C-alpha atoms as a PDB file:
ATOM      1  CA  UNK A   1       0.000   0.000   0.000  1.00  0.00           C
ATOM      2  CA  UNK A   2       1.439   3.449  -0.880  1.00  0.00           C
ATOM      3  CA  UNK A   3       2.611   5.454   2.135  1.00  0.00           C
ATOM      4  CA  UNK A   4       0.740   8.239   3.852  1.00  0.00           C
ATOM      5  CA  UNK A   5       2.994  11.267   4.154  1.00  0.00           C
ATOM      6  CA  UNK A   6       2.613  14.750   5.512  1.00  0.00           C
ATOM      7  CA  UNK A   7       4.319  17.955   4.399  1.00  0.00           C
ATOM      8  CA  UNK A   8       3.987  20.837   6.817  1.00  0.00           C
ATOM      9  CA  UNK A   9       5.719  24.209   6.985  1.00  0.00           C
ATOM     10  CA  UNK A  10       6.203  25.220  10.606  1.00  0.00           C
ATOM     11  CA  UNK A  11       7.905  27.923  12.620  1.00  0.00           C
ATOM     12  CA  UNK A  12      10.933  27.106  14.758  1.00  0.00           C
ATOM     13  CA  UNK A  13       8.615  26.853  17.782  1.00  0.00           C
ATOM     14  CA  UNK A  14       6.361  24.363  15.975  1.00  0.00           C
ATOM     15  CA  UNK A  15       3.378  26.409  14.799  1.00  0.00           C
ATOM     16  CA  UNK A  16       1.776  26.193  11.350  1.00  0.00           C
ATOM     17  CA  UNK A  17      -0.604  29.149  11.741  1.00  0.00           C
ATOM     18  CA  UNK A  18      -2.059  31.602  14.229  1.00  0.00           C
ATOM     19  CA  UNK A  19      -5.725  31.971  15.223  1.00  0.00           C
ATOM     20  CA  UNK A  20      -6.207  35.356  13.502  1.00  0.00           C
ATOM     21  CA  UNK A  21      -6.461  33.663  10.111  1.00  0.00           C
ATOM     22  CA  UNK A  22      -8.461  35.620   7.515  1.00  0.00           C
ATOM     23  CA  UNK A  23      -8.985  35.706   3.764  1.00  0.00           C
ATOM     24  CA  UNK A  24      -6.190  38.266   3.498  1.00  0.00           C
ATOM     25  CA  UNK A  25      -3.882  36.336   5.860  1.00  0.00           C
ATOM     26  CA  UNK A  26      -4.259  32.553   5.364  1.00  0.00           C
ATOM     27  CA  UNK A  27      -1.872  31.683   8.230  1.00  0.00           C
ATOM     28  CA  UNK A  28      -2.549  34.694  10.460  1.00  0.00           C
ATOM     29  CA  UNK A  29      -1.530  38.357  10.268  1.00  0.00           C
ATOM     30  CA  UNK A  30       2.154  38.770   9.555  1.00  0.00           C
ATOM     31  CA  UNK A  31       2.753  35.016   9.188  1.00  0.00           C
ATOM     32  CA  UNK A  32       4.477  33.725   6.069  1.00  0.00           C
ATOM     33  CA  UNK A  33       5.935  30.257   6.340  1.00  0.00           C
ATOM     34  CA  UNK A  34       6.008  29.651   2.595  1.00  0.00           C
ATOM     35  CA  UNK A  35       8.295  32.379   1.210  1.00  0.00           C
ATOM     36  CA  UNK A  36      10.864  29.659   0.414  1.00  0.00           C
ATOM     37  CA  UNK A  37       8.420  28.067  -2.045  1.00  0.00           C
ATOM     38  CA  UNK A  38       8.239  31.225  -4.144  1.00  0.00           C
ATOM     39  CA  UNK A  39      11.329  33.365  -3.606  1.00  0.00           C
ATOM     40  CA  UNK A  40      13.762  30.427  -3.676  1.00  0.00           C
ATOM     41  CA  UNK A  41      11.750  27.879  -5.649  1.00  0.00           C
ATOM     42  CA  UNK A  42      14.749  26.662  -7.667  1.00  0.00           C
ATOM     43  CA  UNK A  43      16.718  25.960  -4.508  1.00  0.00           C
ATOM     44  CA  UNK A  44      13.799  23.941  -3.109  1.00  0.00           C
ATOM     45  CA  UNK A  45      12.589  22.314  -6.330  1.00  0.00           C
ATOM     46  CA  UNK A  46      12.942  18.735  -5.054  1.00  0.00           C
ATOM     47  CA  UNK A  47      10.897  19.417  -1.929  1.00  0.00           C
ATOM     48  CA  UNK A  48       8.221  21.312  -3.860  1.00  0.00           C
ATOM     49  CA  UNK A  49       7.977  18.434  -6.355  1.00  0.00           C
ATOM     50  CA  UNK A  50       7.568  16.012  -3.450  1.00  0.00           C
ATOM     51  CA  UNK A  51       4.789  18.152  -1.955  1.00  0.00           C
ATOM     52  CA  UNK A  52       2.864  18.322  -5.224  1.00  0.00           C
ATOM     53  CA  UNK A  53       3.475  14.713  -6.290  1.00  0.00           C
ATOM     54  CA  UNK A  54       0.809  12.906  -4.281  1.00  0.00           C
ATOM     55  CA  UNK A  55      -2.092  10.965  -5.745  1.00  0.00           C
ATOM     56  CA  UNK A  56      -4.552  12.489  -3.269  1.00  0.00           C
ATOM     57  CA  UNK A  57      -4.507  15.051  -0.455  1.00  0.00           C
ATOM     58  CA  UNK A  58      -6.330  15.535   2.834  1.00  0.00           C
ATOM     59  CA  UNK A  59      -6.589  18.908   4.554  1.00  0.00           C
ATOM     60  CA  UNK A  60      -8.470  20.477   7.414  1.00  0.00           C
ATOM     61  CA  UNK A  61     -11.200  23.000   6.830  1.00  0.00           C
ATOM     62  CA  UNK A  62      -9.016  25.870   8.055  1.00  0.00           C
ATOM     63  CA  UNK A  63      -6.464  25.101   5.357  1.00  0.00           C
ATOM     64  CA  UNK A  64      -9.191  25.480   2.743  1.00  0.00           C
ATOM     65  CA  UNK A  65     -11.084  28.420   4.251  1.00  0.00           C
ATOM     66  CA  UNK A  66     -10.883  30.943   7.096  1.00  0.00           C
ATOM     67  CA  UNK A  67     -14.677  30.823   7.470  1.00  0.00           C
ATOM     68  CA  UNK A  68     -16.442  28.931  10.240  1.00  0.00           C
ATOM     69  CA  UNK A  69     -19.952  27.509  10.328  1.00  0.00           C
ATOM     70  CA  UNK A  70     -21.888  27.174   7.094  1.00  0.00           C
ATOM     71  CA  UNK A  71     -19.869  27.368   3.876  1.00  0.00           C
ATOM     72  CA  UNK A  72     -19.600  30.519   1.802  1.00  0.00           C
ATOM     73  CA  UNK A  73     -20.217  28.815  -1.546  1.00  0.00           C
ATOM     74  CA  UNK A  74     -18.478  31.640  -3.394  1.00  0.00           C
ATOM     75  CA  UNK A  75     -15.205  30.743  -1.653  1.00  0.00           C
ATOM     76  CA  UNK A  76     -13.060  28.288  -3.635  1.00  0.00           C
ATOM     77  CA  UNK A  77      -9.824  28.417  -1.629  1.00  0.00           C
ATOM     78  CA  UNK A  78      -6.736  30.635  -1.641  1.00  0.00           C
ATOM     79  CA  UNK A  79      -5.193  29.126  -4.778  1.00  0.00           C
ATOM     80  CA  UNK A  80      -7.247  30.633  -7.604  1.00  0.00           C
ATOM     81  CA  UNK A  81      -8.886  28.692 -10.430  1.00  0.00           C
ATOM     82  CA  UNK A  82      -5.981  26.239 -10.841  1.00  0.00           C
ATOM     83  CA  UNK A  83      -4.869  25.011  -7.390  1.00  0.00           C
ATOM     84  CA  UNK A  84      -1.415  23.402  -7.180  1.00  0.00           C
ATOM     85  CA  UNK A  85      -2.683  19.932  -6.212  1.00  0.00           C
ATOM     86  CA  UNK A  86      -3.784  18.595  -9.623  1.00  0.00           C
ATOM     87  CA  UNK A  87      -5.348  15.624  -7.815  1.00  0.00           C
ATOM     88  CA  UNK A  88      -8.329  14.892  -5.556  1.00  0.00           C
ATOM     89  CA  UNK A  89      -8.322  16.836  -2.270  1.00  0.00           C
ATOM     90  CA  UNK A  90     -10.469  15.751   0.678  1.00  0.00           C
ATOM     91  CA  UNK A  91     -11.384  18.585   3.054  1.00  0.00           C
ATOM     92  CA  UNK A  92     -12.364  17.646   6.612  1.00  0.00           C
ATOM     93  CA  UNK A  93     -15.208  19.534   8.227  1.00  0.00           C
ATOM     94  CA  UNK A  94     -18.571  19.400   9.956  1.00  0.00           C
ATOM     95  CA  UNK A  95     -20.732  21.041   7.291  1.00  0.00           C
ATOM     96  CA  UNK A  96     -21.602  19.250   4.027  1.00  0.00           C
ATOM     97  CA  UNK A  97     -20.821  20.842   0.681  1.00  0.00           C
ATOM     98  CA  UNK A  98     -20.990  19.560  -2.872  1.00  0.00           C
ATOM     99  CA  UNK A  99     -17.637  18.678  -4.501  1.00  0.00           C
ATOM    100  CA  UNK A 100     -15.837  21.626  -6.061  1.00  0.00           C
ATOM    101  CA  UNK A 101     -14.204  20.891  -9.432  1.00  0.00           C
ATOM    102  CA  UNK A 102     -11.327  23.230 -10.316  1.00  0.00           C
ATOM    103  CA  UNK A 103      -8.975  23.567 -13.289  1.00  0.00           C
ATOM    104  CA  UNK A 104      -5.901  21.378 -13.582  1.00  0.00           C
ATOM    105  CA  UNK A 105      -7.438  18.207 -12.172  1.00  0.00           C
ATOM    106  CA  UNK A 106      -8.087  19.379  -8.598  1.00  0.00           C
ATOM    107  CA  UNK A 107     -11.446  18.431  -7.091  1.00  0.00           C
ATOM    108  CA  UNK A 108     -12.202  19.386  -3.484  1.00  0.00           C
ATOM    109  CA  UNK A 109     -14.458  16.810  -1.808  1.00  0.00           C
ATOM    110  CA  UNK A 110     -15.844  17.764   1.589  1.00  0.00           C
ATOM    111  CA  UNK A 111     -15.841  14.969   4.186  1.00  0.00           C
ATOM    112  CA  UNK A 112     -17.956  15.185   7.337  1.00  0.00           C
ATOM    113  CA  UNK A 113     -17.510  11.684   8.770  1.00  0.00           C
ATOM    114  CA  UNK A 114     -13.969  11.881  10.101  1.00  0.00           C
ATOM    115  CA  UNK A 115     -10.312  11.323   9.337  1.00  0.00           C
ATOM    116  CA  UNK A 116     -10.551   7.596   8.594  1.00  0.00           C
ATOM    117  CA  UNK A 117     -13.367   8.114   6.090  1.00  0.00           C
ATOM    118  CA  UNK A 118     -11.305  10.790   4.331  1.00  0.00           C
ATOM    119  CA  UNK A 119      -8.309   8.429   4.216  1.00  0.00           C
ATOM    120  CA  UNK A 120     -10.431   5.612   2.760  1.00  0.00           C
ATOM    121  CA  UNK A 121     -11.740   7.939   0.044  1.00  0.00           C
ATOM    122  CA  UNK A 122      -8.217   9.164  -0.714  1.00  0.00           C
ATOM    123  CA  UNK A 123      -6.891   5.605  -0.982  1.00  0.00           C
ATOM    124  CA  UNK A 124      -9.705   4.715  -3.372  1.00  0.00           C
ATOM    125  CA  UNK A 125      -8.571   7.368  -5.881  1.00  0.00           C
ATOM    126  CA  UNK A 126      -4.795   7.625  -5.332  1.00  0.00           C
ATOM    127  CA  UNK A 127      -3.931   4.410  -7.162  1.00  0.00           C
ATOM    128  CA  UNK A 128      -0.289   3.509  -6.572  1.00  0.00           C
ATOM    129  CA  UNK A 129       0.632   7.074  -5.543  1.00  0.00           C
ATOM    130  CA  UNK A 130       1.049   8.198  -1.961  1.00  0.00           C
ATOM    131  CA  UNK A 131      -1.517  10.167   0.031  1.00  0.00           C
ATOM    132  CA  UNK A 132      -0.465  13.470   1.588  1.00  0.00           C
ATOM    133  CA  UNK A 133      -1.928  14.921   4.763  1.00  0.00           C
ATOM    134  CA  UNK A 134      -1.512  18.555   3.750  1.00  0.00           C
ATOM    135  CA  UNK A 135      -2.307  20.308   7.033  1.00  0.00           C
ATOM    136  CA  UNK A 136      -2.743  22.329   9.060  1.00  0.00           C
ATOM    137  CA  UNK A 137      -1.099  21.165  12.249  1.00  0.00           C
ATOM    138  CA  UNK A 138      -4.393  20.191  13.907  1.00  0.00           C
ATOM    139  CA  UNK A 139      -5.223  17.825  11.038  1.00  0.00           C
ATOM    140  CA  UNK A 140      -1.708  16.361  11.001  1.00  0.00           C
ATOM    141  CA  UNK A 141      -1.953  15.856  14.774  1.00  0.00           C
ATOM    142  CA  UNK A 142      -5.190  13.898  14.412  1.00  0.00           C
ATOM    143  CA  UNK A 143      -3.602  11.560  11.862  1.00  0.00           C
ATOM    144  CA  UNK A 144      -0.412  11.193  13.931  1.00  0.00           C
ATOM    145  CA  UNK A 145      -2.420  10.400  17.074  1.00  0.00           C
ATOM    146  CA  UNK A 146      -4.357   7.740  15.150  1.00  0.00           C
ATOM    147  CA  UNK A 147      -1.113   6.163  13.849  1.00  0.00           C
ATOM    148  CA  UNK A 148      -2.023   6.866  10.225  1.00  0.00           C
ATOM    149  CA  UNK A 149       1.059   8.788   8.974  1.00  0.00           C
ATOM    150  CA  UNK A 150       4.097   6.853   7.723  1.00  0.00           C
ATOM    151  CA  UNK A 151       6.429   9.756   6.919  1.00  0.00           C
ATOM    152  CA  UNK A 152       6.509  13.270   8.349  1.00  0.00           C
ATOM    153  CA  UNK A 153       8.176  15.952   6.202  1.00  0.00           C
ATOM    154  CA  UNK A 154       8.711  19.223   8.041  1.00  0.00           C
ATOM    155  CA  UNK A 155       9.803  22.480   6.433  1.00  0.00           C
ATOM    156  CA  UNK A 156      11.108  24.541   9.357  1.00  0.00           C
ATOM    157  CA  UNK A 157      11.259  28.306   8.854  1.00  0.00           C
ATOM    158  CA  UNK A 158      13.545  30.315  11.186  1.00  0.00           C
ATOM    159  CA  UNK A 159      10.838  32.460  12.794  1.00  0.00           C
ATOM    160  CA  UNK A 160       8.852  32.025  15.995  1.00  0.00           C
ATOM    161  CA  UNK A 161       5.099  32.609  16.199  1.00  0.00           C
ATOM    162  CA  UNK A 162       4.567  32.203  19.953  1.00  0.00           C
ATOM    163  CA  UNK A 163       1.062  30.771  19.737  1.00  0.00           C
ATOM    164  CA  UNK A 164      -1.418  29.161  17.372  1.00  0.00           C
ATOM    165  CA  UNK A 165      -1.902  25.751  15.782  1.00  0.00           C
ATOM    166  CA  UNK A 166       1.106  23.711  17.007  1.00  0.00           C
ATOM    167  CA  UNK A 167       2.414  20.442  15.651  1.00  0.00           C
ATOM    168  CA  UNK A 168       2.340  17.505  18.130  1.00  0.00           C
ATOM    169  CA  UNK A 169      -0.276  19.079  20.467  1.00  0.00           C
ATOM    170  CA  UNK A 170      -2.385  16.218  21.841  1.00  0.00           C
ATOM    171  CA  UNK A 171      -0.244  13.575  20.130  1.00  0.00           C
ATOM    172  CA  UNK A 172       1.021  10.700  22.297  1.00  0.00           C
ATOM    173  CA  UNK A 173       4.806  10.150  22.365  1.00  0.00           C
ATOM    174  CA  UNK A 174       6.155   9.033  18.993  1.00  0.00           C
ATOM    175  CA  UNK A 175       9.325   7.322  17.841  1.00  0.00           C
ATOM    176  CA  UNK A 176      10.636   9.111  14.774  1.00  0.00           C
ATOM    177  CA  UNK A 177      13.541   7.950  12.614  1.00  0.00           C
ATOM    178  CA  UNK A 178      15.321  10.759  10.773  1.00  0.00           C
ATOM    179  CA  UNK A 179      15.512   9.962   7.075  1.00  0.00           C
ATOM    180  CA  UNK A 180      17.002  13.210   5.787  1.00  0.00           C
ATOM    181  CA  UNK A 181      17.834  16.803   6.662  1.00  0.00           C
ATOM    182  CA  UNK A 182      18.729  19.585   4.247  1.00  0.00           C
ATOM    183  CA  UNK A 183      19.389  23.222   5.001  1.00  0.00           C
ATOM    184  CA  UNK A 184      18.392  25.834   2.430  1.00  0.00           C
ATOM    185  CA  UNK A 185      18.654  29.611   2.644  1.00  0.00           C
ATOM    186  CA  UNK A 186      15.132  30.242   3.998  1.00  0.00           C
ATOM    187  CA  UNK A 187      14.109  26.829   5.376  1.00  0.00           C
ATOM    188  CA  UNK A 188      15.398  23.539   6.741  1.00  0.00           C
ATOM    189  CA  UNK A 189      13.791  20.386   5.349  1.00  0.00           C
ATOM    190  CA  UNK A 190      13.492  17.458   7.775  1.00  0.00           C
ATOM    191  CA  UNK A 191      12.046  14.040   6.946  1.00  0.00           C
ATOM    192  CA  UNK A 192      11.142  11.450   9.561  1.00  0.00           C
ATOM    193  CA  UNK A 193       9.782   7.928   9.314  1.00  0.00           C
ATOM    194  CA  UNK A 194       7.062   7.432  11.938  1.00  0.00           C
ATOM    195  CA  UNK A 195       7.251   4.112  13.802  1.00  0.00           C
ATOM    196  CA  UNK A 196       3.909   2.889  15.130  1.00  0.00           C
END
């Protein structure tokens, strides 16, 4: 069975976002953990290719939208008409919504019956490609706590956020085996195999 991986950009103190997320500030005001993907894309081409090379993705609602409660059906995500996934994306949440078909092969399917149901749906469409738990930290934590992630890929940015959505909150102790580490100018890439 293809592995379940997770790619997550985090601050040095382990946060992936702050609670003041908005449409103008997807990760919170003043937070940018993804500059390395754009300003130094050539330097990080291998990691970016690994992020975008999954057969299916799973993300939390807050990674798709800053809104809470009922869906704003006009909102189609932060990525424009052609999101970078080019594969099925399963969005966890509590409110149903019809699938959203975008350009480039991305379809957002909204899952209301939990993380295992989303993983089953992702496996059904991913074929022999891996499944990526895209984030945010709360979603990754749920999958880690359930023992459902095989490889954790962290992209650590040298800033501190002080508070917010922190990786490993509520996760029981884990044994991680370091697979690789690579320092770039704006980020350090760390890959761990998760032993269950």
